[in-house]
Amino acid sequence: MEELARKAVSGDSAAERELFEQLLERFRYLAKRRVGEEDCEDLAQEACTTVFEKYRHQEFTVGFLAWAHGVLRMKIGNYLQKKRRMGEREAELDEDVGAPPHEVDATLKRHLLDCLRELIRAGGYYARILNLAHQGYQTAEVCERVGITANNYYVTLSRGRSMLRDCLQGKGVSA
């Protein structure tokens, strides 16, 4: 696979196609072993997309395959962490039996809208990035629309989420 990677980096489109077909198959297998059948395809494709976007400009200190597996490991780790957090939040919501569900939802919506307004006042840029990410736009699409690099996108997204989380926690909402 290392030889295919070298050929693909040098511009051989047939080698590139073969490389990513093999990589996707390998990623599916590895993701399935770690997270099960349900989300393995999404994780494998997401990892392959990231590798495809970056491999031509990457300096491989450990080799292409080791680097690509590292990308997959990060995607799986992020997925498992997100899943764990979602489980914790669901458990917290199950414990909250103080108010009827419609009142909790209305209060939460009001707090969320207040925090979004604060975020817009702090810098509409953060709100715009969060909104585009929430709408499901891919990283490349958001970067193109806003005119930023992928790294800047991730930093802005992280800061925007932190600002939103801090605001909600200040209002007594577990975020």
Protein backbone atom coordinates (compact mmCIF):
# COMPACT_ATOMS: atom_id res chain seq x y z
CA MET A 1 0.00 0.00 0.00
CA GLU A 2 2.97 2.30 0.59
CA GLU A 3 3.96 1.96 -3.07
CA LEU A 4 0.42 2.85 -4.17
CA ALA A 5 0.58 5.89 -1.92
CA ARG A 6 3.84 7.04 -3.51
CA LYS A 7 2.36 6.64 -6.99
CA ALA A 8 -0.83 8.45 -5.98
CA VAL A 9 1.09 11.38 -4.50
CA SER A 10 3.03 11.68 -7.73
CA GLY A 11 -0.24 12.03 -9.68
CA ASP A 12 -1.10 8.49 -10.83
CA SER A 13 -4.92 8.55 -10.76
CA ALA A 14 -5.26 4.77 -11.22
CA ALA A 15 -2.99 4.18 -8.22
CA GLU A 16 -4.98 6.75 -6.23
CA ARG A 17 -8.26 4.99 -7.02
CA GLU A 18 -6.82 1.60 -6.06
CA LEU A 19 -5.25 3.02 -2.90
CA PHE A 20 -8.50 4.48 -1.62
CA GLU A 21 -10.55 1.41 -2.56
CA GLN A 22 -8.19 -0.74 -0.49
CA LEU A 23 -8.04 1.81 2.30
CA LEU A 24 -11.83 2.10 2.51
CA GLU A 25 -12.19 -1.68 2.67
CA ARG A 26 -9.57 -1.88 5.44
CA PHE A 27 -11.16 1.03 7.35
CA ARG A 28 -14.61 -0.59 7.16
CA TYR A 29 -13.22 -3.78 8.68
CA LEU A 30 -11.36 -1.98 11.47
CA ALA A 31 -14.24 0.38 12.26
CA LYS A 32 -16.70 -2.52 12.37
CA ARG A 33 -14.50 -4.28 14.93
CA ARG A 34 -14.42 -1.17 17.14
CA VAL A 35 -17.93 0.30 16.86
CA GLY A 36 -20.08 -2.41 15.30
CA GLU A 37 -22.05 -2.58 12.08
CA GLU A 38 -24.24 0.47 12.63
CA ASP A 39 -21.78 3.33 12.15
CA CYS A 40 -18.72 1.64 10.68
CA GLU A 41 -19.45 2.75 7.10
CA ASP A 42 -19.79 6.43 8.07
CA LEU A 43 -16.60 6.36 10.13
CA ALA A 44 -14.64 4.59 7.39
CA GLN A 45 -15.80 7.03 4.72
CA GLU A 46 -15.16 10.05 6.94
CA ALA A 47 -11.64 8.84 7.71
CA CYS A 48 -10.97 8.11 4.01
CA THR A 49 -12.22 11.57 3.08
CA THR A 50 -9.88 13.18 5.60
CA VAL A 51 -6.95 11.10 4.36
CA PHE A 52 -7.80 11.95 0.74
CA GLU A 53 -7.96 15.69 1.52
CA LYS A 54 -4.60 15.73 3.28
CA TYR A 55 -2.35 12.93 2.02
CA ARG A 56 -0.73 14.84 -0.86
CA HIS A 57 0.49 17.61 1.45
CA GLN A 58 1.42 15.39 4.38
CA GLU A 59 4.99 14.63 5.46
CA PHE A 60 4.90 10.96 6.47
CA THR A 61 7.29 10.37 9.35
CA VAL A 62 5.87 6.90 10.02
CA GLY A 63 4.60 5.91 6.57
CA PHE A 64 1.32 6.45 4.79
CA LEU A 65 -0.53 3.46 6.21
CA ALA A 66 0.42 4.21 9.82
CA TRP A 67 -0.61 7.84 9.36
CA ALA A 68 -3.93 6.82 7.73
CA HIS A 69 -4.65 4.40 10.58
CA GLY A 70 -3.99 7.26 12.98
CA VAL A 71 -6.66 9.30 11.21
CA LEU A 72 -9.12 6.42 11.57
CA ARG A 73 -8.21 5.99 15.25
CA MET A 74 -8.94 9.69 15.86
CA LYS A 75 -12.30 9.45 14.09
CA ILE A 76 -13.27 6.37 16.11
CA GLY A 77 -12.07 7.98 19.34
CA ASN A 78 -14.11 11.11 18.66
CA TYR A 79 -17.14 8.98 17.80
CA LEU A 80 -16.87 6.93 21.01
CA GLN A 81 -16.34 10.04 23.11
CA LYS A 82 -19.38 11.72 21.56
CA LYS A 83 -21.47 8.60 22.10
CA ARG A 84 -20.37 8.44 25.75
CA ARG A 85 -21.26 12.11 26.29
CA MET A 86 -24.65 11.59 24.68
CA GLY A 87 -25.31 8.68 27.04
CA GLU A 88 -24.33 10.81 30.04
CA ARG A 89 -26.63 13.62 28.92
CA GLU A 90 -29.54 11.23 28.40
CA ALA A 91 -28.98 9.88 31.91
CA GLU A 92 -29.00 13.44 33.29
CA LEU A 93 -32.22 14.21 31.43
CA ASP A 94 -33.83 11.04 32.78
CA GLU A 95 -32.99 12.21 36.31
CA ASP A 96 -34.63 15.62 35.74
CA VAL A 97 -38.23 14.96 36.74
CA GLY A 98 -38.90 18.34 38.39
CA ALA A 99 -40.86 20.03 35.60
CA PRO A 100 -43.19 18.71 32.92
CA PRO A 101 -41.37 18.02 29.61
CA HIS A 102 -43.00 20.88 27.70
CA GLU A 103 -41.91 23.39 30.36
CA VAL A 104 -38.35 22.06 30.33
CA ASP A 105 -38.27 22.31 26.53
CA ALA A 106 -39.61 25.88 26.56
CA THR A 107 -37.11 26.94 29.22
CA LEU A 108 -34.25 25.25 27.40
CA LYS A 109 -35.24 26.89 24.11
CA ARG A 110 -35.40 30.31 25.79
CA HIS A 111 -31.96 29.85 27.36
CA LEU A 112 -30.53 28.58 24.07
CA LEU A 113 -31.91 31.57 22.15
CA ASP A 114 -30.52 33.95 24.80
CA CYS A 115 -27.10 32.32 24.51
CA LEU A 116 -27.18 32.41 20.72
CA ARG A 117 -27.97 36.14 20.87
CA GLU A 118 -25.00 36.63 23.20
CA LEU A 119 -22.84 34.64 20.80
CA ILE A 120 -23.93 36.86 17.90
CA ARG A 121 -23.13 39.97 19.95
CA ALA A 122 -19.71 38.54 20.84
CA GLY A 123 -18.98 37.86 17.20
CA GLY A 124 -21.47 36.81 14.57
CA TYR A 125 -18.65 34.86 12.98
CA TYR A 126 -18.91 32.15 15.66
CA ALA A 127 -22.67 31.92 15.28
CA ARG A 128 -22.38 31.63 11.49
CA ILE A 129 -19.85 28.79 11.71
CA LEU A 130 -21.96 26.95 14.31
CA ASN A 131 -25.07 27.42 12.20
CA LEU A 132 -23.46 26.07 9.04
CA ALA A 133 -22.01 23.09 10.93
CA HIS A 134 -25.41 22.44 12.54
CA GLN A 135 -27.07 22.51 9.11
CA GLY A 136 -24.80 19.66 8.06
CA TYR A 137 -22.40 21.42 5.72
CA GLN A 138 -19.08 19.62 5.34
CA THR A 139 -15.86 21.31 6.44
CA ALA A 140 -14.78 22.12 2.89
CA GLU A 141 -18.16 23.67 2.09
CA VAL A 142 -18.12 25.90 5.19
CA CYS A 143 -14.52 26.95 4.51
CA GLU A 144 -15.42 27.89 0.94
CA ARG A 145 -18.55 29.83 1.96
CA VAL A 146 -16.81 31.75 4.74
CA GLY A 147 -13.39 32.02 3.12
CA ILE A 148 -11.27 30.37 5.82
CA THR A 149 -8.89 27.43 6.12
CA ALA A 150 -9.97 24.10 7.60
CA ASN A 151 -7.76 24.71 10.63
CA ASN A 152 -9.39 28.09 11.23
CA TYR A 153 -12.81 26.43 10.87
CA TYR A 154 -12.05 23.84 13.56
CA VAL A 155 -10.64 26.47 15.94
CA THR A 156 -13.64 28.77 15.42
CA LEU A 157 -16.09 25.89 15.79
CA SER A 158 -14.43 24.79 19.01
CA ARG A 159 -14.41 28.31 20.46
CA GLY A 160 -18.02 28.91 19.44
CA ARG A 161 -19.12 25.67 21.07
CA SER A 162 -17.18 26.54 24.22
CA MET A 163 -18.76 29.99 24.36
CA LEU A 164 -22.23 28.48 23.89
CA ARG A 165 -21.57 25.78 26.51
CA ASP A 166 -20.27 28.34 29.02
CA CYS A 167 -23.31 30.55 28.48
CA LEU A 168 -25.74 27.67 28.94
CA GLN A 169 -23.96 26.48 32.06
CA GLY A 170 -24.14 30.04 33.40
CA LYS A 171 -27.91 29.82 33.01
CA GLY A 172 -27.99 26.54 34.90
CA VAL A 173 -28.41 24.34 31.84
CA SER A 174 -26.28 21.20 31.71
CA ALA A 175 -24.58 21.39 28.32
